Each structure stands twice: as structure tokens, then as C-alpha cells.
N, C-alpha and C. Protein backbone atom coordinates (compact mmCIF):
# COMPACT_ATOMS: atom_id res chain seq x y z
N MET A 1 24.89 52.49 15.35
CA MET A 1 23.46 52.24 15.42
C MET A 1 22.92 52.25 16.95
N ARG A 2 23.71 51.74 17.80
CA ARG A 2 23.40 51.63 19.21
C ARG A 2 23.33 53.09 19.80
N ARG A 3 24.36 53.89 19.37
CA ARG A 3 24.37 55.26 19.82
C ARG A 3 23.21 56.07 19.37
N LEU A 4 22.73 55.81 18.15
CA LEU A 4 21.62 56.49 17.62
C LEU A 4 20.39 56.24 18.42
N VAL A 5 20.16 54.95 18.70
CA VAL A 5 18.95 54.57 19.49
C VAL A 5 19.04 55.13 20.87
N THR A 6 20.18 55.14 21.49
CA THR A 6 20.33 55.68 22.86
C THR A 6 20.14 57.22 22.87
N THR A 7 20.61 57.84 21.89
CA THR A 7 20.42 59.33 21.81
C THR A 7 18.97 59.64 21.50
N ALA A 8 18.28 58.91 20.67
CA ALA A 8 16.92 59.20 20.30
C ALA A 8 16.02 58.89 21.55
N SER A 9 16.28 57.91 22.33
CA SER A 9 15.59 57.58 23.52
C SER A 9 15.74 58.67 24.56
N PHE A 10 16.89 59.20 24.63
CA PHE A 10 17.14 60.19 25.67
C PHE A 10 16.36 61.54 25.23
N LEU A 11 16.39 61.86 23.97
CA LEU A 11 15.85 63.08 23.48
C LEU A 11 14.26 62.90 23.57
N LEU A 12 13.73 61.75 23.35
CA LEU A 12 12.37 61.56 23.47
C LEU A 12 11.86 61.67 24.94
N LEU A 13 12.68 61.18 25.87
CA LEU A 13 12.35 61.26 27.29
C LEU A 13 12.37 62.69 27.69
N VAL A 14 13.37 63.45 27.37
CA VAL A 14 13.49 64.80 27.79
C VAL A 14 12.38 65.64 27.08
N SER A 15 12.17 65.48 25.82
CA SER A 15 11.27 66.29 25.12
C SER A 15 9.76 66.12 25.57
N SER A 16 9.35 64.99 26.13
CA SER A 16 8.03 64.74 26.52
C SER A 16 7.69 65.72 27.72
N SER A 17 8.57 65.98 28.61
CA SER A 17 8.29 66.87 29.65
C SER A 17 8.30 68.36 29.20
N VAL A 18 9.15 68.72 28.29
CA VAL A 18 9.30 70.06 27.77
C VAL A 18 8.08 70.41 26.94
N LEU A 19 7.64 69.44 26.12
CA LEU A 19 6.54 69.71 25.16
C LEU A 19 5.16 69.63 25.83
N ALA A 20 5.11 69.18 26.99
CA ALA A 20 3.80 69.02 27.67
C ALA A 20 3.16 70.40 27.79
N THR A 21 1.88 70.42 27.36
CA THR A 21 1.18 71.75 27.41
C THR A 21 0.37 71.76 28.77
N PRO A 22 0.11 72.90 29.26
CA PRO A 22 -0.77 72.97 30.45
C PRO A 22 -2.30 72.61 30.08
N ILE A 23 -2.94 72.12 31.03
CA ILE A 23 -4.32 71.74 30.87
C ILE A 23 -5.18 72.67 31.79
N TYR A 24 -6.27 73.09 31.24
CA TYR A 24 -7.08 74.05 31.93
C TYR A 24 -8.44 73.41 32.28
N LYS A 25 -9.04 73.82 33.37
CA LYS A 25 -10.33 73.20 33.72
C LYS A 25 -11.26 74.45 34.03
N TRP A 26 -12.46 74.33 33.48
CA TRP A 26 -13.48 75.43 33.81
C TRP A 26 -14.86 74.82 33.65
N VAL A 27 -15.79 75.54 34.30
CA VAL A 27 -17.17 75.16 34.34
C VAL A 27 -18.02 76.16 33.57
N ASP A 28 -18.89 75.66 32.64
CA ASP A 28 -19.69 76.64 31.81
C ASP A 28 -20.99 76.96 32.57
N ALA A 29 -21.85 77.71 31.92
CA ALA A 29 -23.00 78.33 32.54
C ALA A 29 -24.02 77.24 32.93
N GLN A 30 -24.00 76.08 32.22
CA GLN A 30 -24.92 74.95 32.48
C GLN A 30 -24.40 74.05 33.63
N GLY A 31 -23.17 74.37 34.13
CA GLY A 31 -22.62 73.50 35.24
C GLY A 31 -21.83 72.36 34.79
N VAL A 32 -21.45 72.36 33.55
CA VAL A 32 -20.66 71.18 32.96
C VAL A 32 -19.23 71.49 33.05
N THR A 33 -18.34 70.59 33.53
CA THR A 33 -16.97 70.83 33.72
C THR A 33 -16.26 70.41 32.39
N HIS A 34 -15.34 71.36 31.92
CA HIS A 34 -14.62 71.15 30.70
C HIS A 34 -13.13 71.14 30.99
N PHE A 35 -12.39 70.45 30.14
CA PHE A 35 -10.93 70.45 30.20
C PHE A 35 -10.46 70.80 28.81
N GLY A 36 -9.37 71.60 28.73
CA GLY A 36 -8.79 71.88 27.41
C GLY A 36 -7.39 72.38 27.47
N SER A 37 -6.73 72.48 26.31
CA SER A 37 -5.30 72.91 26.33
C SER A 37 -5.28 74.42 26.29
N GLU A 38 -6.38 75.16 25.92
CA GLU A 38 -6.35 76.57 25.93
C GLU A 38 -7.57 77.04 26.87
N PRO A 39 -7.32 78.03 27.65
CA PRO A 39 -8.47 78.58 28.46
C PRO A 39 -9.50 79.30 27.57
N PRO A 40 -10.72 79.33 28.06
CA PRO A 40 -11.72 80.12 27.30
C PRO A 40 -11.55 81.60 27.54
N SER A 41 -11.83 82.38 26.55
CA SER A 41 -11.65 83.84 26.71
C SER A 41 -12.66 84.57 27.54
N ASN A 42 -13.88 83.96 27.71
CA ASN A 42 -14.88 84.64 28.44
C ASN A 42 -15.10 84.16 29.79
N GLN A 43 -14.25 83.21 30.27
CA GLN A 43 -14.47 82.59 31.66
C GLN A 43 -13.12 82.51 32.25
N THR A 44 -13.11 82.37 33.68
CA THR A 44 -11.88 82.05 34.34
C THR A 44 -11.66 80.56 34.42
N ALA A 45 -10.45 80.15 34.16
CA ALA A 45 -10.08 78.74 34.17
C ALA A 45 -9.01 78.44 35.18
N GLN A 46 -9.00 77.26 35.63
CA GLN A 46 -7.96 76.88 36.58
C GLN A 46 -6.96 75.93 35.89
N SER A 47 -5.69 76.27 36.07
CA SER A 47 -4.60 75.53 35.44
C SER A 47 -4.32 74.22 36.33
N ILE A 48 -4.24 73.15 35.64
CA ILE A 48 -3.93 71.92 36.35
C ILE A 48 -2.46 71.50 35.96
N ASP A 49 -1.75 71.23 36.98
CA ASP A 49 -0.33 70.81 36.83
C ASP A 49 -0.30 69.35 36.65
N THR A 50 0.10 68.86 35.53
CA THR A 50 0.17 67.40 35.21
C THR A 50 1.60 66.87 35.33
N ASN A 51 2.50 67.69 35.59
CA ASN A 51 3.98 67.24 35.68
C ASN A 51 4.25 66.55 37.03
N THR A 52 3.75 67.15 38.08
CA THR A 52 4.22 66.69 39.41
C THR A 52 3.01 66.04 40.14
N PHE A 53 2.77 64.83 39.73
CA PHE A 53 1.72 64.02 40.51
C PHE A 53 2.50 63.07 41.52
N GLN A 54 2.16 63.30 42.76
CA GLN A 54 2.57 62.48 43.77
C GLN A 54 1.49 61.94 44.67
N PRO A 55 1.29 60.70 44.71
CA PRO A 55 0.12 60.23 45.48
C PRO A 55 0.44 60.52 46.99
N LYS A 56 -0.70 60.75 47.70
CA LYS A 56 -0.64 61.02 49.11
C LYS A 56 -0.20 59.70 49.80
N PRO A 57 0.59 59.74 50.85
CA PRO A 57 1.02 58.66 51.58
C PRO A 57 -0.27 58.00 52.30
N ALA A 58 -0.45 56.77 52.22
CA ALA A 58 -1.65 56.14 52.83
C ALA A 58 -1.61 56.36 54.37
N GLU A 59 -2.62 56.79 54.89
CA GLU A 59 -2.75 57.02 56.33
C GLU A 59 -3.17 55.65 56.96
N LYS A 60 -2.63 55.47 58.13
CA LYS A 60 -2.94 54.26 58.84
C LYS A 60 -4.39 54.27 59.45
N THR A 61 -5.01 53.12 59.29
CA THR A 61 -6.39 53.12 59.82
C THR A 61 -6.31 52.74 61.29
N ALA A 62 -7.42 53.01 61.92
CA ALA A 62 -7.48 52.66 63.39
C ALA A 62 -7.18 51.23 63.62
N ALA A 63 -7.59 50.36 62.76
CA ALA A 63 -7.37 48.89 62.92
C ALA A 63 -5.92 48.60 62.79
N GLN A 64 -5.21 49.26 61.84
CA GLN A 64 -3.80 49.06 61.70
C GLN A 64 -2.99 49.47 62.94
N ILE A 65 -3.39 50.71 63.42
CA ILE A 65 -2.77 51.23 64.54
C ILE A 65 -2.97 50.33 65.76
N ALA A 66 -4.23 49.87 65.95
CA ALA A 66 -4.44 48.93 67.10
C ALA A 66 -3.67 47.63 66.91
N ALA A 67 -3.53 47.15 65.67
CA ALA A 67 -2.87 45.87 65.47
C ALA A 67 -1.25 46.04 65.74
N GLU A 68 -0.73 47.22 65.40
CA GLU A 68 0.64 47.49 65.71
C GLU A 68 0.88 47.62 67.25
N ASP A 69 -0.08 48.26 67.88
CA ASP A 69 0.07 48.47 69.38
C ASP A 69 -0.02 47.07 70.07
N ALA A 70 -0.91 46.20 69.56
CA ALA A 70 -1.10 44.86 70.04
C ALA A 70 0.22 44.06 69.92
N GLN A 71 0.80 44.23 68.73
CA GLN A 71 2.03 43.50 68.47
C GLN A 71 3.12 43.99 69.30
N ALA A 72 3.23 45.22 69.49
CA ALA A 72 4.25 45.79 70.39
C ALA A 72 4.04 45.35 71.78
N SER A 73 2.76 45.40 72.23
CA SER A 73 2.40 44.97 73.59
C SER A 73 2.75 43.43 73.73
N ALA A 74 2.44 42.68 72.83
CA ALA A 74 2.69 41.21 72.84
C ALA A 74 4.15 40.99 72.94
N LYS A 75 4.98 41.79 72.16
CA LYS A 75 6.47 41.59 72.20
C LYS A 75 6.95 42.01 73.62
N THR A 76 6.50 43.06 74.15
CA THR A 76 6.84 43.49 75.45
C THR A 76 6.52 42.49 76.58
N GLN A 77 5.27 41.99 76.42
CA GLN A 77 4.80 41.01 77.43
C GLN A 77 5.63 39.70 77.25
N ALA A 78 5.98 39.29 76.02
CA ALA A 78 6.86 38.16 75.86
C ALA A 78 8.26 38.31 76.46
N ASP A 79 8.75 39.57 76.34
CA ASP A 79 10.11 39.85 76.96
C ASP A 79 9.97 39.72 78.50
N ILE A 80 8.88 40.29 79.02
CA ILE A 80 8.68 40.17 80.54
C ILE A 80 8.53 38.78 80.94
N GLU A 81 7.79 37.99 80.24
CA GLU A 81 7.54 36.58 80.64
C GLU A 81 8.90 35.80 80.54
N ARG A 82 9.69 36.17 79.55
CA ARG A 82 10.97 35.45 79.45
C ARG A 82 11.94 35.82 80.61
N LYS A 83 11.96 37.08 80.94
CA LYS A 83 12.74 37.45 82.09
C LYS A 83 12.29 36.76 83.46
N VAL A 84 11.00 36.74 83.61
CA VAL A 84 10.39 36.17 84.80
C VAL A 84 10.77 34.68 84.84
N ARG A 85 10.65 34.00 83.64
CA ARG A 85 11.01 32.52 83.59
C ARG A 85 12.46 32.35 83.97
N GLN A 86 13.32 33.26 83.51
CA GLN A 86 14.77 33.12 83.88
C GLN A 86 15.09 33.29 85.21
N GLN A 87 14.30 34.28 85.87
CA GLN A 87 14.56 34.60 87.28
C GLN A 87 13.96 33.37 88.12
N VAL A 88 12.86 32.81 87.76
CA VAL A 88 12.37 31.70 88.48
C VAL A 88 13.27 30.47 88.37
N ALA A 89 13.79 30.27 87.17
CA ALA A 89 14.75 29.22 87.01
C ALA A 89 15.94 29.41 87.87
N ALA A 90 16.45 30.60 87.91
CA ALA A 90 17.66 30.86 88.72
C ALA A 90 17.38 30.61 90.20
N GLU A 91 16.24 31.09 90.70
CA GLU A 91 15.81 30.84 92.05
C GLU A 91 15.72 29.43 92.42
N GLU A 92 15.10 28.61 91.43
CA GLU A 92 14.95 27.21 91.71
C GLU A 92 16.28 26.50 91.69
N ALA A 93 17.20 26.89 90.86
CA ALA A 93 18.58 26.34 90.89
C ALA A 93 19.32 26.60 92.20
N GLU A 94 19.12 27.88 92.70
CA GLU A 94 19.69 28.27 93.94
C GLU A 94 19.12 27.46 95.16
N LEU A 95 17.78 27.26 95.15
CA LEU A 95 17.14 26.48 96.18
C LEU A 95 17.61 25.05 96.12
N LYS A 96 17.70 24.46 94.94
CA LYS A 96 18.18 23.10 94.78
C LYS A 96 19.56 22.89 95.39
N LYS A 97 20.45 23.93 95.06
CA LYS A 97 21.80 23.86 95.55
C LYS A 97 21.74 23.89 97.07
N TYR A 98 20.96 24.81 97.62
CA TYR A 98 20.83 24.99 99.11
C TYR A 98 20.32 23.65 99.75
N CYS A 99 19.32 23.03 99.15
CA CYS A 99 18.80 21.76 99.65
C CYS A 99 19.77 20.65 99.61
N GLU A 100 20.60 20.57 98.56
CA GLU A 100 21.64 19.58 98.47
C GLU A 100 22.73 19.82 99.52
N ASP A 101 23.05 21.01 99.70
CA ASP A 101 24.13 21.26 100.76
C ASP A 101 23.53 20.98 102.20
N MET A 102 22.23 21.21 102.42
CA MET A 102 21.59 20.90 103.71
C MET A 102 21.54 19.45 103.99
N ARG A 103 21.16 18.67 102.94
CA ARG A 103 21.06 17.23 103.11
C ARG A 103 22.53 16.58 103.34
N TYR A 104 23.47 17.19 102.65
CA TYR A 104 24.88 16.73 102.78
C TYR A 104 25.35 16.97 104.24
N ASN A 105 25.02 18.23 104.75
CA ASN A 105 25.38 18.54 106.20
C ASN A 105 24.65 17.65 107.20
N LEU A 106 23.42 17.36 106.90
CA LEU A 106 22.62 16.39 107.80
C LEU A 106 23.24 15.04 107.81
N ALA A 107 23.63 14.59 106.62
CA ALA A 107 24.28 13.21 106.60
C ALA A 107 25.57 13.22 107.40
N GLN A 108 26.36 14.23 107.28
CA GLN A 108 27.59 14.38 108.03
C GLN A 108 27.33 14.38 109.47
N LEU A 109 26.39 15.10 109.91
CA LEU A 109 26.12 15.22 111.31
C LEU A 109 25.55 13.94 111.92
N GLU A 110 24.79 13.25 111.15
CA GLU A 110 24.12 12.01 111.59
C GLU A 110 25.13 10.80 111.62
N ASN A 111 26.08 10.84 110.68
CA ASN A 111 26.99 9.73 110.52
C ASN A 111 28.32 9.88 111.30
N ASN A 112 28.61 11.10 111.73
CA ASN A 112 29.87 11.33 112.45
C ASN A 112 29.59 11.86 113.86
N PRO A 113 29.92 11.12 114.88
CA PRO A 113 29.71 11.63 116.23
C PRO A 113 30.72 12.67 116.57
N ARG A 114 31.80 12.71 115.97
CA ARG A 114 32.85 13.67 116.27
C ARG A 114 32.94 14.65 115.12
N VAL A 115 32.23 15.81 115.25
CA VAL A 115 32.14 16.81 114.17
C VAL A 115 32.88 18.09 114.66
N LEU A 116 33.71 18.59 113.73
CA LEU A 116 34.31 19.92 113.94
C LEU A 116 33.44 20.98 113.25
N ALA A 117 33.24 22.05 113.97
CA ALA A 117 32.54 23.18 113.33
C ALA A 117 33.40 24.45 113.59
N GLU A 118 33.21 25.41 112.71
CA GLU A 118 33.96 26.61 112.91
C GLU A 118 33.08 27.58 113.75
N VAL A 119 33.59 27.93 114.91
CA VAL A 119 32.86 28.81 115.83
C VAL A 119 33.77 29.99 116.08
N ASN A 120 33.32 31.19 115.71
CA ASN A 120 34.13 32.43 115.92
C ASN A 120 35.45 32.42 115.22
N GLY A 121 35.40 31.69 114.06
CA GLY A 121 36.70 31.60 113.30
C GLY A 121 37.66 30.56 113.76
N THR A 122 37.31 29.81 114.74
CA THR A 122 38.22 28.67 115.17
C THR A 122 37.45 27.37 115.12
N PRO A 123 38.16 26.32 114.65
CA PRO A 123 37.49 24.99 114.56
C PRO A 123 37.34 24.46 116.05
N THR A 124 36.05 24.01 116.32
CA THR A 124 35.76 23.52 117.62
C THR A 124 34.87 22.21 117.44
N ARG A 125 35.19 21.26 118.30
CA ARG A 125 34.45 20.00 118.27
C ARG A 125 33.11 20.26 118.91
N LEU A 126 32.03 19.80 118.25
CA LEU A 126 30.74 19.95 118.77
C LEU A 126 30.44 18.88 119.89
N THR A 127 29.74 19.34 120.91
CA THR A 127 29.33 18.34 121.90
C THR A 127 28.07 17.58 121.35
N GLU A 128 27.74 16.52 122.00
CA GLU A 128 26.59 15.69 121.52
C GLU A 128 25.33 16.54 121.48
N GLU A 129 25.11 17.31 122.53
CA GLU A 129 23.92 18.19 122.56
C GLU A 129 23.90 19.18 121.40
N GLN A 130 25.06 19.78 121.14
CA GLN A 130 25.15 20.83 120.00
C GLN A 130 24.92 20.12 118.72
N ARG A 131 25.49 18.83 118.52
CA ARG A 131 25.32 18.12 117.34
C ARG A 131 23.87 17.77 117.14
N GLN A 132 23.13 17.31 118.20
CA GLN A 132 21.71 16.98 118.10
C GLN A 132 20.85 18.17 117.81
N ALA A 133 21.26 19.38 118.36
CA ALA A 133 20.55 20.63 118.15
C ALA A 133 20.70 20.99 116.64
N ARG A 134 21.88 20.87 116.07
CA ARG A 134 22.08 21.16 114.68
C ARG A 134 21.30 20.30 113.76
N ILE A 135 21.30 19.00 114.12
CA ILE A 135 20.56 18.01 113.38
C ILE A 135 19.05 18.36 113.35
N THR A 136 18.54 18.73 114.48
CA THR A 136 17.18 19.19 114.54
C THR A 136 16.88 20.48 113.69
N GLU A 137 17.74 21.40 113.77
CA GLU A 137 17.62 22.59 112.96
C GLU A 137 17.68 22.40 111.49
N ILE A 138 18.62 21.52 111.06
CA ILE A 138 18.73 21.20 109.63
C ILE A 138 17.54 20.42 109.16
N LYS A 139 16.99 19.44 109.93
CA LYS A 139 15.78 18.69 109.58
C LYS A 139 14.63 19.70 109.45
N GLN A 140 14.54 20.61 110.34
CA GLN A 140 13.44 21.63 110.21
C GLN A 140 13.58 22.46 108.96
N ALA A 141 14.77 22.87 108.70
CA ALA A 141 15.03 23.76 107.50
C ALA A 141 14.67 22.92 106.20
N ILE A 142 14.99 21.72 106.25
CA ILE A 142 14.79 20.84 105.09
C ILE A 142 13.28 20.63 104.86
N SER A 143 12.58 20.41 105.94
CA SER A 143 11.17 20.16 105.85
C SER A 143 10.38 21.42 105.46
N GLU A 144 10.88 22.61 105.83
CA GLU A 144 10.20 23.92 105.47
C GLU A 144 10.58 24.30 104.07
N ARG A 145 11.79 24.16 103.61
CA ARG A 145 12.20 24.84 102.34
C ARG A 145 12.48 23.77 101.20
N CYS A 146 12.66 22.53 101.63
CA CYS A 146 13.01 21.53 100.62
C CYS A 146 12.06 20.40 100.37
N ALA A 147 10.80 20.63 100.86
CA ALA A 147 9.82 19.51 100.73
C ALA A 147 9.55 19.12 99.27
N THR A 148 9.58 20.09 98.35
CA THR A 148 9.25 19.70 96.96
C THR A 148 10.51 19.49 96.15
N ILE A 149 11.64 19.80 96.67
CA ILE A 149 12.94 19.65 95.94
C ILE A 149 13.48 18.18 96.26
N LYS A 150 13.80 17.57 95.14
CA LYS A 150 14.42 16.18 95.35
C LYS A 150 15.85 16.12 94.83
């Protein structure tokens, strides 16, 4: 029984496209449009193909195109902003590290009267004048670059 129903369904499906007759369209002398399965003998008729109907793809409207462009632009802008924020964060971290190092060096110079520094690749003890000059240089650098960093 199942085989009979499957076979009948298949034959019905195939036969509908085979048995489809062409449809003709024509306009009579009064300007009325007619449709029929047989063309008139005294007029020319246009054959209409009913088997291959394919809807046209929807064209994008100007508003849809503008919306897509705005979305792409917003995504690009968001990527740029994210990269800038990462770059600013990296620069701030680098400045914070620099300021910490400078404050550490200042504390060492202020608390140790006998400081060794590497000059031309050799460790050399700084004189009091050299030590005070470096303290002044470091304080100036801290005040210029590290005023907002704590």
C-alpha cells in the first residue's frame, strides 16, 4: 500500500508539469486583454510561460545601502577607537614604569652619599657635586613628566 501511494504521488508530481498547456494572451479590437489555452485564429497572441516563474531578487533601497554603509563605518570606527585606547593604555603603562624608576633613583641618590654610577662602561663613585646635579636633573624630569602619575 505504501508503495502504491509513493508511486502515485510521484506520477502526479511529474505529470502536472508534462500536462500543463501553454497559455496565450491577446488584446481584441475593443482593447480588452484576453487569456486562453488556444490562440485566436484571426489575431496574433503572445505565449506566456507558466513553468518557469522566478521572482526578481529584491534590489536594495538607498536607505538600506546607507544603513549598511553606516554599520560598516561604525564597525571601522569602533576598531580604530579600540586600537587607540590600547595604544594610550600602553603609553600610560610605560610612563608609569618610567616614573617609578625615576622616583626610585631619586630616593637612592638622596639617601646614599656614596653612589656608584656606570660611566663609559666602568663603575665610578659620584662626587657630591655630581650627585647633587643628578638629583636636580631627576627632580626636574619627575616634575615635567610625572606630575599626574602617582
